[in-house]
Amino acid sequence: MTTTEAPPKTPQGPTPAKRTFAFLRNTWRGLTSMRTALVLLFLLALAALPGALLPQRKLNAPKVDEYISAHGWWGTLLDKLEFYDVYSSIWFSAIYLLLMISLVGCLTPRTFDYAKAMRAKPVLTPRNLARMPHYRLGRGKSDVSAEVAAVHKQLSGWRRIEREEDGGVRTISAERGFLRETGNLLFHFSMLGLIVFFALGKLFGYEGQVIVQADGSTFCNSGIYNYDSFNAGLRVDGTDLDPFCVKINDFTVRYTPAGEPEYYHSNIQYQSGQDLETNTWRPYGLEVNSPLRTAGDRVYLLGQGNSPQFTVTFPNGEKRTQNTQWRTVDPTTMLAEGATKFDQPGITDEAQRRTRQLAITGLFAPTAFMHGNVLTSSAPEVKDPAVAVDIMRGDLGLDAGRGQSVFEIDQSLVDDGRLKKIARENLKVGQEIKLDDGTKIRFDGVNHWVSLQVSHDPTQGFVLGFAIAMFLGLGASLLVKRRRLWVRVKPGTEDHPGTVIEVAGLARTDQAGYGEEFHKISERLISGQKG
């Protein structure tokens, strides 16, 4: 009779569910490791660099368009990769979110381990203390109880526990330096808090920029339409801004001999809270690094420019005066370009009125210098102001129902022939030009305008607090050393009465510097010195 052996069973591999679980577990362990957290922190700092080096669309959209056109395909590629919207890009947000998850997953078990270690008693005294890196042997004259009491007094401030051994031997185990791990956890929790509240600040904060004439003009934070540009957080709709008003009375600028600005100052007045009801104005000196803080907002002085003032005398004798801000095109000489626009009074027919609108466009030079027939500026100070203007007449498109730049005219209207150039002239202060219909345009002089930024961040106090806590935690984790100390006190013999005292020490981290501390402690413990 023959028997047939069954074929050996092929070992079965893990099921798909187990493989999926193992993959998720390993991914979580890798993500929540301290090494990963440090890598993500480095990547976050690296990812923030384009936001500082490249123009950002939220801050200056025209500058972004100019950069893209100047760099061709490279600028277009950066735009597709969201390098002009760094802080709202998908890749920056992903790094930000992964870092927060990594920190939470990394700190949670470490916190439990730290709490367990704080409750645990100091470790047992080793049998052979002579094998420790720091060791000292000595004798005491008192009995064991008296020597142990003296040791407790000398080790005040240490976490310690006393134990008994055979033969009347008593030991003391002491530890110090738990503040090191406390500082380490404080640093990482503060970093997590900084990330969280920074994100909340982006949700509930806003920033707005506005240009205000420095001639007593007023700006009120009553709505987003009062701003030239406004960047709102995701939870801000612009309907509940903190109410306050500022009045820009003047502006002072000083330049170095090389023509670089070294001092900006504006005497302003402001009102908020109850002052708005009583119409009370409070003075303040606004400077670049000294923002006004009121109503939970901060008002910064960003920059300045010039507003040439023109007076137009129309054929019927009526006069109109305007000083519109012109855009600085050369910061080194404050050469500016712009457009000052006028409606002719006394015309009731809308169609006719749109054919008689005026625009004064051109260049303004604070210190005039003629380079051939071209007006330019030789210095940023307003010493010899002049303008080179083109007078445009026709339809300015002010009633078209769409916004247009305050600094320029709509070029499409010129191309269509609805806006025509009727005169060109260079004017000094007080000079005027007379148009074909008898209209006179006089250059009166120049005023200053200032650029303000209003910032609202309800979490800035928390961000500052967590930043300070980070530095404190980092200092504690770097400066404080974990160390252990053991003392064994044995009763003496008949030949050698008194006690035998062994002292041993071990640095849990870096041993540098612990030798000197151990020597001082052991000297006091063995010699019986006080203090």
Protein backbone atom coordinates (compact mmCIF):
# COMPACT_ATOMS: atom_id res chain seq x y z
CA MET A 1 0.00 0.00 0.00
CA THR A 2 1.41 3.32 -0.98
CA THR A 3 0.69 6.67 0.62
CA THR A 4 0.71 10.00 -1.09
CA GLU A 5 2.07 12.93 0.85
CA ALA A 6 0.12 16.16 0.71
CA PRO A 7 1.98 19.00 -1.02
CA PRO A 8 3.47 21.54 1.38
CA LYS A 9 1.31 24.54 2.01
CA THR A 10 2.48 27.77 0.51
CA PRO A 11 2.85 30.39 3.23
CA GLN A 12 0.23 33.04 2.91
CA GLY A 13 1.37 36.68 2.87
CA PRO A 14 -0.29 39.44 4.89
CA THR A 15 -3.78 40.39 3.85
CA PRO A 16 -4.40 43.69 2.01
CA ALA A 17 -5.97 45.10 5.17
CA LYS A 18 -2.85 44.30 7.20
CA ARG A 19 -0.58 45.76 4.51
CA THR A 20 -2.66 48.94 4.44
CA PHE A 21 -2.58 49.19 8.21
CA ALA A 22 1.19 48.65 8.29
CA PHE A 23 1.68 51.31 5.61
CA LEU A 24 -0.44 53.84 7.51
CA ARG A 25 1.31 53.03 10.79
CA ASN A 26 4.78 53.45 9.31
CA THR A 27 3.73 56.66 7.55
CA TRP A 28 2.39 58.06 10.81
CA ARG A 29 5.56 57.12 12.68
CA GLY A 30 7.71 58.75 10.03
CA LEU A 31 5.57 61.90 9.92
CA THR A 32 5.55 62.33 13.71
CA SER A 33 9.28 61.83 14.22
CA MET A 34 11.35 64.76 15.41
CA ARG A 35 13.60 64.42 12.35
CA THR A 36 10.61 64.91 10.05
CA ALA A 37 9.46 67.93 12.06
CA LEU A 38 12.88 69.54 11.67
CA VAL A 39 12.92 68.81 7.92
CA LEU A 40 9.44 70.34 7.52
CA LEU A 41 10.50 73.39 9.53
CA PHE A 42 13.47 73.85 7.21
CA LEU A 43 11.21 73.42 4.16
CA LEU A 44 8.78 76.01 5.53
CA ALA A 45 11.59 78.54 5.91
CA LEU A 46 12.83 77.69 2.41
CA ALA A 47 9.32 77.97 0.96
CA ALA A 48 8.91 81.44 2.46
CA LEU A 49 11.93 82.79 0.57
CA PRO A 50 10.09 83.40 -2.73
CA GLY A 51 7.56 85.49 -0.82
CA ALA A 52 10.37 87.81 0.24
CA LEU A 53 12.33 87.82 -3.02
CA LEU A 54 9.52 87.95 -5.61
CA PRO A 55 6.67 90.48 -5.90
CA GLN A 56 3.41 89.17 -4.45
CA ARG A 57 0.11 89.65 -6.24
CA LYS A 58 -1.79 90.57 -3.06
CA LEU A 59 0.65 93.36 -2.27
CA ASN A 60 1.45 94.74 -5.71
CA ALA A 61 -0.39 93.19 -8.66
CA PRO A 62 1.04 95.67 -11.26
CA LYS A 63 4.56 94.82 -10.12
CA VAL A 64 3.81 91.12 -10.65
CA ASP A 65 2.53 91.77 -14.18
CA GLU A 66 5.63 93.83 -14.92
CA TYR A 67 7.91 91.07 -13.58
CA ILE A 68 6.14 88.40 -15.69
CA SER A 69 6.39 90.46 -18.88
CA ALA A 70 10.06 91.21 -18.22
CA HIS A 71 11.04 87.55 -17.67
CA GLY A 72 9.07 85.84 -20.43
CA TRP A 73 8.48 82.09 -20.08
CA TRP A 74 10.32 81.97 -16.77
CA GLY A 75 7.99 84.55 -15.24
CA THR A 76 4.96 82.68 -16.65
CA LEU A 77 6.22 79.39 -15.18
CA LEU A 78 6.64 80.96 -11.76
CA ASP A 79 3.09 82.26 -12.02
CA LYS A 80 1.75 78.77 -12.78
CA LEU A 81 3.67 77.42 -9.78
CA GLU A 82 2.04 80.09 -7.54
CA PHE A 83 5.31 81.81 -6.69
CA TYR A 84 3.54 85.18 -6.76
CA ASP A 85 0.96 83.96 -4.22
CA VAL A 86 3.34 82.06 -1.97
CA TYR A 87 1.50 82.22 1.34
CA SER A 88 -1.82 81.10 -0.16
CA SER A 89 -0.31 78.49 -2.48
CA ILE A 90 -1.14 74.79 -2.22
CA TRP A 91 2.44 73.71 -1.62
CA PHE A 92 3.09 76.25 1.13
CA SER A 93 -0.19 75.35 2.85
CA ALA A 94 0.68 71.65 2.59
CA ILE A 95 4.05 72.14 4.28
CA TYR A 96 2.39 74.30 6.92
CA LEU A 97 -0.29 71.70 7.66
CA LEU A 98 2.14 68.76 7.67
CA LEU A 99 4.42 70.60 10.10
CA MET A 100 1.53 71.21 12.48
CA ILE A 101 0.44 67.55 12.33
CA SER A 102 4.03 66.40 12.81
CA LEU A 103 4.51 68.58 15.85
CA VAL A 104 1.26 67.40 17.43
CA GLY A 105 2.07 63.74 16.81
CA CYS A 106 5.64 64.20 18.03
CA LEU A 107 4.83 66.15 21.17
CA THR A 108 1.91 64.06 22.42
CA PRO A 109 3.90 60.93 23.43
CA ARG A 110 6.80 63.03 24.67
CA THR A 111 4.45 64.91 26.96
CA PHE A 112 3.15 61.67 28.48
CA ASP A 113 6.71 60.40 28.92
CA TYR A 114 7.70 63.67 30.57
CA ALA A 115 4.74 63.54 32.97
CA LYS A 116 5.61 59.93 33.84
CA ALA A 117 9.26 60.85 34.44
CA MET A 118 8.28 63.75 36.69
CA ARG A 119 6.20 61.42 38.87
CA ALA A 120 8.84 58.70 38.98
CA LYS A 121 11.26 58.43 41.88
CA PRO A 122 15.01 58.82 41.31
CA VAL A 123 16.68 55.57 40.27
CA LEU A 124 18.26 53.17 42.76
CA THR A 125 21.80 53.77 43.91
CA PRO A 126 24.20 51.53 41.92
CA ARG A 127 26.05 48.86 43.92
CA ASN A 128 29.50 49.93 42.68
CA LEU A 129 29.62 53.73 42.72
CA ALA A 130 33.33 53.71 41.88
CA ARG A 131 32.43 52.84 38.28
CA MET A 132 30.63 56.16 37.77
CA PRO A 133 32.35 58.91 35.72
CA HIS A 134 32.60 61.08 38.83
CA TYR A 135 33.39 59.45 42.17
CA ARG A 136 34.75 60.44 45.54
CA LEU A 137 35.30 58.58 48.82
CA GLY A 138 35.58 60.16 52.26
CA ARG A 139 34.90 59.74 55.93
CA GLY A 140 32.59 61.51 58.31
CA LYS A 141 32.89 61.93 62.05
CA SER A 142 29.19 61.82 62.90
CA ASP A 143 26.86 58.85 62.86
CA VAL A 144 24.89 57.74 59.81
CA SER A 145 21.68 59.67 60.69
CA ALA A 146 23.55 62.93 61.23
CA GLU A 147 25.52 62.57 58.00
CA VAL A 148 22.38 61.75 56.02
CA ALA A 149 20.62 64.79 57.47
CA ALA A 150 23.58 66.95 56.42
CA VAL A 151 23.45 65.49 52.92
CA HIS A 152 19.74 66.36 52.63
CA LYS A 153 20.53 69.90 53.66
CA GLN A 154 23.32 70.23 51.12
CA LEU A 155 21.13 68.84 48.33
CA SER A 156 18.26 71.25 48.86
CA GLY A 157 16.62 71.88 45.48
CA TRP A 158 17.39 68.41 44.11
CA ARG A 159 14.73 65.75 43.55
CA ARG A 160 15.89 63.07 45.96
CA ILE A 161 14.82 59.97 47.81
CA GLU A 162 16.39 58.15 50.73
CA ARG A 163 16.61 54.36 50.86
CA GLU A 164 18.01 51.82 53.33
CA GLU A 165 20.33 48.92 52.59
CA ASP A 166 21.60 46.00 54.65
CA GLY A 167 23.96 46.62 57.56
CA GLY A 168 22.57 50.04 58.44
CA VAL A 169 23.69 51.55 55.15
CA ARG A 170 21.59 54.43 53.86
CA THR A 171 21.62 55.92 50.38
CA ILE A 172 20.32 59.08 48.77
CA SER A 173 19.50 59.22 45.04
CA ALA A 174 19.19 62.78 43.68
CA GLU A 175 18.41 64.24 40.26
CA ARG A 176 18.49 67.72 38.82
CA GLY A 177 18.01 69.40 35.46
CA PHE A 178 14.44 68.42 34.55
CA LEU A 179 14.09 72.01 33.37
CA ARG A 180 16.02 70.93 30.28
CA GLU A 181 13.21 68.71 29.05
CA THR A 182 10.70 71.30 30.24
CA GLY A 183 12.41 73.88 28.05
CA ASN A 184 12.52 71.45 25.13
CA LEU A 185 8.78 70.83 25.35
CA LEU A 186 8.10 74.53 25.91
CA PHE A 187 10.04 75.38 22.75
CA HIS A 188 8.13 72.90 20.58
CA PHE A 189 4.71 73.66 22.05
CA SER A 190 5.40 77.37 21.60
CA MET A 191 6.37 76.72 17.99
CA LEU A 192 3.08 74.86 17.52
CA GLY A 193 1.17 77.71 19.15
CA LEU A 194 3.00 80.21 16.95
CA ILE A 195 1.96 78.29 13.83
CA VAL A 196 -1.66 77.97 14.96
CA PHE A 197 -2.12 81.61 15.94
CA PHE A 198 -0.26 82.83 12.87
CA ALA A 199 -2.79 80.90 10.78
CA LEU A 200 -5.68 82.32 12.84
CA GLY A 201 -4.27 85.80 12.28
CA LYS A 202 -4.44 85.21 8.53
CA LEU A 203 -8.06 84.14 8.89
CA PHE A 204 -9.29 87.05 10.99
CA GLY A 205 -6.79 89.79 10.07
CA TYR A 206 -6.61 92.28 7.23
CA GLU A 207 -4.26 94.80 5.67
CA GLY A 208 -5.09 97.85 3.62
CA GLN A 209 -3.02 100.49 1.86
CA VAL A 210 -4.15 104.03 1.13
CA ILE A 211 -2.57 107.27 -0.13
CA VAL A 212 -3.53 110.43 1.77
CA GLN A 213 -2.58 114.01 0.97
CA ALA A 214 -0.40 115.57 3.70
CA ASP A 215 -2.40 118.80 3.78
CA GLY A 216 -4.93 118.06 6.51
CA SER A 217 -6.75 115.39 4.53
CA THR A 218 -8.54 112.67 6.48
CA PHE A 219 -8.83 108.91 6.16
CA CYS A 220 -11.44 106.90 8.08
CA ASN A 221 -11.43 103.15 8.53
CA SER A 222 -15.13 102.81 7.82
CA GLY A 223 -15.11 100.45 4.84
CA ILE A 224 -12.95 98.71 2.29
CA TYR A 225 -13.87 101.22 -0.42
CA ASN A 226 -11.83 103.87 1.38
CA TYR A 227 -8.66 101.91 0.60
CA ASP A 228 -6.61 101.87 -2.56
CA SER A 229 -5.90 98.17 -1.97
CA PHE A 230 -7.29 95.82 0.65
CA ASN A 231 -6.22 92.28 1.58
CA ALA A 232 -8.77 90.56 3.81
CA GLY A 233 -8.50 87.31 5.76
CA LEU A 234 -10.75 84.43 4.85
CA ARG A 235 -13.15 85.29 7.70
CA VAL A 236 -13.20 89.05 7.02
CA ASP A 237 -15.86 90.49 4.71
CA GLY A 238 -14.98 94.15 5.27
CA THR A 239 -18.30 95.09 6.91
CA ASP A 240 -17.10 95.20 10.50
CA LEU A 241 -13.82 97.12 10.51
CA ASP A 242 -12.60 98.83 13.67
CA PRO A 243 -13.72 102.47 13.35
CA PHE A 244 -11.11 105.22 13.59
CA CYS A 245 -9.98 108.29 11.63
CA VAL A 246 -6.57 109.86 11.00
CA LYS A 247 -5.81 113.36 9.72
CA ILE A 248 -2.46 113.92 7.96
CA ASN A 249 -1.40 117.47 8.75
CA ASP A 250 2.09 117.56 7.22
CA PHE A 251 5.06 115.51 6.17
CA THR A 252 8.80 115.98 6.63
CA VAL A 253 11.55 114.08 4.85
CA ARG A 254 15.33 114.37 5.17
CA TYR A 255 17.86 113.00 2.72
CA THR A 256 21.50 112.04 3.03
CA PRO A 257 24.10 113.81 0.86
CA ALA A 258 23.84 110.80 -1.47
CA GLY A 259 20.14 111.46 -1.94
CA GLU A 260 18.84 108.54 0.16
CA PRO A 261 15.96 109.17 2.58
CA GLU A 262 16.98 108.92 6.23
CA TYR A 263 14.01 110.38 8.08
CA TYR A 264 10.24 110.35 7.56
CA HIS A 265 7.91 112.13 9.97
CA SER A 266 4.28 113.14 9.78
CA ASN A 267 2.33 115.08 12.37
CA ILE A 268 -1.08 113.46 12.43
CA GLN A 269 -4.22 113.49 14.54
CA TYR A 270 -6.47 110.54 15.22
CA GLN A 271 -9.74 109.66 16.88
CA SER A 272 -11.30 106.34 17.88
CA GLY A 273 -13.81 105.02 20.39
CA GLN A 274 -15.53 107.79 22.33
CA ASP A 275 -13.43 110.39 20.50
CA LEU A 276 -15.50 109.73 17.37
CA GLU A 277 -18.67 110.74 19.20
CA THR A 278 -17.16 113.87 20.77
CA ASN A 279 -15.08 114.76 17.65
CA THR A 280 -11.91 114.86 19.75
CA TRP A 281 -8.61 114.68 17.86
CA ARG A 282 -5.43 113.43 19.55
CA PRO A 283 -1.95 114.29 18.19
CA TYR A 284 0.65 111.71 17.25
CA GLY A 285 4.05 111.78 15.51
CA LEU A 286 3.96 109.05 12.88
CA GLU A 287 7.31 107.62 11.76
CA VAL A 288 8.44 104.57 9.82
CA ASN A 289 9.22 102.43 12.86
CA SER A 290 6.69 104.03 15.17
CA PRO A 291 3.20 102.97 14.05
CA LEU A 292 0.02 104.38 15.53
CA ARG A 293 -1.87 101.77 17.55
CA THR A 294 -5.53 102.49 18.01
CA ALA A 295 -8.84 100.62 17.98
CA GLY A 296 -6.99 97.31 17.76
CA ASP A 297 -5.26 98.32 14.50
CA ARG A 298 -1.81 99.59 13.59
CA VAL A 299 -1.22 102.45 11.15
CA TYR A 300 2.20 102.37 9.45
CA LEU A 301 3.93 105.07 7.44
CA LEU A 302 5.19 103.25 4.34
CA GLY A 303 6.37 105.95 1.97
CA GLN A 304 5.75 109.30 0.37
CA GLY A 305 5.50 111.10 -2.92
CA ASN A 306 4.60 114.38 -4.56
CA SER A 307 1.35 115.89 -5.77
CA PRO A 308 1.76 118.74 -8.26
CA GLN A 309 -1.03 121.29 -7.88
CA PHE A 310 -2.75 122.79 -10.91
CA THR A 311 -5.36 125.54 -11.22
CA VAL A 312 -7.55 125.54 -14.31
CA THR A 313 -9.35 128.77 -15.28
CA PHE A 314 -12.16 127.94 -17.69
CA PRO A 315 -13.43 130.33 -20.39
CA ASN A 316 -16.41 131.40 -18.23
CA GLY A 317 -13.99 132.52 -15.48
CA GLU A 318 -14.61 129.63 -13.09
CA LYS A 319 -11.55 128.06 -11.46
CA ARG A 320 -10.82 124.54 -10.29
CA THR A 321 -7.72 123.55 -8.26
CA GLN A 322 -6.50 120.00 -7.69
CA ASN A 323 -3.41 118.35 -6.28
CA THR A 324 -3.60 114.66 -7.27
CA GLN A 325 -0.90 112.21 -6.25
CA TRP A 326 1.54 111.29 -9.01
CA ARG A 327 3.37 107.97 -9.06
CA THR A 328 7.11 107.94 -8.34
CA VAL A 329 8.98 106.29 -11.20
CA ASP A 330 12.53 106.92 -9.96
CA PRO A 331 12.93 106.67 -6.16
CA THR A 332 16.48 108.04 -6.29
CA THR A 333 15.39 111.38 -7.77
CA MET A 334 11.63 111.22 -6.99
CA LEU A 335 10.80 111.77 -10.65
CA ALA A 336 7.05 111.12 -10.93
CA GLU A 337 4.39 110.64 -13.55
CA GLY A 338 0.65 110.98 -13.32
CA ALA A 339 -2.60 112.47 -14.51
CA THR A 340 -4.73 115.22 -12.97
CA LYS A 341 -8.27 115.19 -14.36
CA PHE A 342 -10.90 117.97 -14.54
CA ASP A 343 -14.56 118.26 -15.51
CA GLN A 344 -15.49 121.58 -17.14
CA PRO A 345 -18.18 123.30 -15.05
CA GLY A 346 -21.36 124.85 -16.40
CA ILE A 347 -22.11 122.13 -18.99
CA THR A 348 -25.41 120.35 -18.33
CA ASP A 349 -25.52 118.22 -21.45
CA GLU A 350 -23.82 114.92 -20.62
CA ALA A 351 -22.71 114.17 -24.17
CA GLN A 352 -21.14 117.61 -24.56
CA ARG A 353 -19.55 117.45 -21.13
CA ARG A 354 -17.76 114.22 -22.02
CA THR A 355 -16.13 116.00 -24.96
CA ARG A 356 -14.76 118.84 -22.81
CA GLN A 357 -13.02 116.93 -20.01
CA LEU A 358 -9.35 117.76 -19.38
CA ALA A 359 -6.40 115.67 -18.26
CA ILE A 360 -2.97 117.04 -17.38
CA THR A 361 -0.49 114.19 -17.86
CA GLY A 362 3.27 114.07 -17.87
CA LEU A 363 6.31 114.15 -15.60
CA PHE A 364 7.07 115.99 -12.37
CA ALA A 365 10.65 116.78 -11.30
CA PRO A 366 11.28 118.05 -7.74
CA THR A 367 14.69 119.41 -8.78
CA ALA A 368 14.37 120.11 -12.49
CA PHE A 369 17.18 119.23 -14.89
CA MET A 370 16.92 119.36 -18.68
CA HIS A 371 18.61 116.47 -20.45
CA GLY A 372 18.39 117.89 -23.94
CA ASN A 373 14.69 118.50 -24.44
CA VAL A 374 13.66 115.93 -21.85
CA LEU A 375 12.78 116.99 -18.31
CA THR A 376 14.32 114.92 -15.55
CA SER A 377 15.24 115.37 -11.87
CA SER A 378 18.72 115.68 -10.42
CA ALA A 379 17.81 115.24 -6.72
CA PRO A 380 14.88 114.00 -4.62
CA GLU A 381 14.46 117.24 -2.62
CA VAL A 382 11.89 119.76 -3.79
CA LYS A 383 14.27 122.60 -4.69
CA ASP A 384 13.31 123.65 -8.21
CA PRO A 385 10.05 121.86 -9.13
CA ALA A 386 8.87 121.71 -12.72
CA VAL A 387 6.48 119.68 -14.85
CA ALA A 388 6.48 118.52 -18.46
CA VAL A 389 2.82 118.09 -19.33
CA ASP A 390 0.59 116.97 -22.16
CA ILE A 391 -2.91 118.47 -22.08
CA MET A 392 -5.55 115.98 -23.19
CA ARG A 393 -9.15 116.94 -23.97
CA GLY A 394 -12.17 114.78 -24.67
CA ASP A 395 -13.83 111.81 -22.98
CA LEU A 396 -11.82 110.60 -19.96
CA GLY A 397 -14.10 107.61 -19.42
CA LEU A 398 -15.02 108.77 -15.92
CA ASP A 399 -18.67 107.86 -16.52
CA ALA A 400 -18.00 104.46 -18.09
CA GLY A 401 -18.96 102.59 -14.92
CA ARG A 402 -15.57 100.88 -14.51
CA GLY A 403 -12.60 101.85 -12.39
CA GLN A 404 -9.46 103.35 -13.82
CA SER A 405 -6.07 104.22 -12.47
CA VAL A 406 -5.70 107.56 -10.75
CA PHE A 407 -2.17 107.78 -12.13
CA GLU A 408 -2.94 107.57 -15.86
CA ILE A 409 -5.55 107.97 -18.56
CA ASP A 410 -7.21 105.17 -20.49
CA GLN A 411 -4.98 104.70 -23.53
CA SER A 412 -7.80 103.02 -25.44
CA LEU A 413 -9.68 106.34 -25.44
CA VAL A 414 -6.68 107.98 -27.09
CA ASP A 415 -6.48 105.22 -29.67
CA ASP A 416 -10.20 105.66 -30.44
CA GLY A 417 -9.78 109.40 -30.92
CA ARG A 418 -12.15 110.27 -28.09
CA LEU A 419 -9.26 111.82 -26.17
CA LYS A 420 -6.84 114.09 -28.00
CA LYS A 421 -3.63 115.91 -27.10
CA ILE A 422 -4.07 119.64 -27.62
CA ALA A 423 -0.96 121.10 -25.97
CA ARG A 424 2.47 120.25 -24.58
CA GLU A 425 4.58 122.47 -22.33
CA ASN A 426 7.25 122.58 -19.61
CA LEU A 427 6.14 124.66 -16.64
CA LYS A 428 7.87 126.09 -13.59
CA VAL A 429 5.96 127.14 -10.49
CA GLY A 430 3.63 130.02 -11.33
CA GLN A 431 3.82 129.56 -15.09
CA GLU A 432 0.71 128.79 -17.11
CA ILE A 433 -0.36 127.59 -20.53
CA LYS A 434 -3.32 128.94 -22.54
CA LEU A 435 -5.40 126.56 -24.65
CA ASP A 436 -7.13 127.28 -27.95
CA ASP A 437 -10.51 127.91 -26.29
CA GLY A 438 -9.09 130.37 -23.76
CA THR A 439 -8.71 127.88 -20.88
CA LYS A 440 -5.66 128.63 -18.72
CA ILE A 441 -3.72 125.99 -16.78
CA ARG A 442 -1.30 127.15 -14.10
CA PHE A 443 1.27 125.07 -12.20
CA ASP A 444 0.89 126.28 -8.59
CA GLY A 445 3.48 124.15 -6.81
CA VAL A 446 3.71 120.81 -5.10
CA ASN A 447 2.33 119.07 -2.00
CA HIS A 448 3.29 115.80 -0.35
CA TRP A 449 1.28 112.61 -0.10
CA VAL A 450 1.96 109.73 2.27
CA SER A 451 1.29 106.03 1.86
CA LEU A 452 -0.29 104.40 4.91
CA GLN A 453 -0.87 100.78 5.76
CA VAL A 454 -3.54 99.71 8.24
CA SER A 455 -2.94 96.27 9.74
CA HIS A 456 -5.35 94.35 11.92
CA ASP A 457 -4.16 91.13 13.58
CA PRO A 458 -6.15 90.00 16.64
CA THR A 459 -3.58 87.29 17.39
CA GLN A 460 -0.41 89.40 17.45
CA GLY A 461 -0.26 89.33 21.27
CA PHE A 462 -0.42 85.54 21.28
CA VAL A 463 2.20 85.33 18.51
CA LEU A 464 4.54 87.57 20.49
CA GLY A 465 3.96 85.55 23.67
CA PHE A 466 4.69 82.25 21.94
CA ALA A 467 7.78 83.72 20.26
CA ILE A 468 9.15 84.81 23.65
CA ALA A 469 8.29 81.40 25.13
CA MET A 470 10.19 79.76 22.25
CA PHE A 471 13.37 81.64 23.10
CA LEU A 472 12.97 80.88 26.82
CA GLY A 473 12.42 77.21 26.10
CA LEU A 474 15.36 77.09 23.70
CA GLY A 475 17.59 78.75 26.28
CA ALA A 476 16.57 76.26 28.97
CA SER A 477 17.07 73.25 26.70
CA LEU A 478 20.57 74.44 25.71
CA LEU A 479 21.86 75.73 29.03
CA VAL A 480 20.39 73.36 31.63
CA LYS A 481 22.13 69.98 32.09
CA ARG A 482 20.52 66.78 33.36
CA ARG A 483 22.62 65.19 36.12
CA ARG A 484 22.32 62.56 38.81
CA LEU A 485 24.02 62.24 42.16
CA TRP A 486 24.22 59.29 44.56
CA VAL A 487 25.42 59.29 48.14
CA ARG A 488 25.99 56.11 50.17
CA VAL A 489 26.67 56.46 53.92
CA LYS A 490 28.03 53.37 55.71
CA PRO A 491 28.58 53.02 59.45
CA GLY A 492 32.21 52.81 60.52
CA THR A 493 34.04 49.98 62.30
CA GLU A 494 35.61 49.75 65.71
CA ASP A 495 39.00 50.53 64.21
CA HIS A 496 37.62 53.37 62.13
CA PRO A 497 34.63 54.91 63.91
CA GLY A 498 32.37 57.42 62.25
CA THR A 499 31.04 56.84 58.75
CA VAL A 500 32.23 56.08 55.23
CA ILE A 501 30.73 58.41 52.59
CA GLU A 502 30.69 57.60 48.87
CA VAL A 503 29.61 60.23 46.38
CA ALA A 504 29.12 59.53 42.66
CA GLY A 505 27.78 61.63 39.82
CA LEU A 506 26.59 61.16 36.24
CA ALA A 507 25.67 63.77 33.64
CA ARG A 508 22.59 62.58 31.68
CA THR A 509 23.49 64.80 28.72
CA ASP A 510 26.75 66.62 28.05
CA GLN A 511 29.36 66.05 30.74
CA ALA A 512 31.13 69.32 30.02
CA GLY A 513 31.10 71.49 33.11
CA TYR A 514 29.72 68.84 35.47
CA GLY A 515 33.14 67.88 36.85
CA GLU A 516 33.62 71.23 38.56
CA GLU A 517 30.09 71.19 39.96
CA PHE A 518 30.54 67.62 41.23
CA HIS A 519 33.81 68.53 42.92
CA LYS A 520 32.18 71.41 44.82
CA ILE A 521 29.18 69.30 45.88
CA SER A 522 31.27 66.32 46.98
CA GLU A 523 33.65 68.62 48.87
CA ARG A 524 30.74 70.00 50.90
CA LEU A 525 29.17 66.60 51.47
CA ILE A 526 32.34 64.88 52.62
CA SER A 527 33.97 67.71 54.55
CA GLY A 528 30.69 68.61 56.23
CA GLN A 529 30.86 72.29 55.21
CA LYS A 530 27.64 74.25 55.36
CA GLY A 531 25.97 76.32 52.60
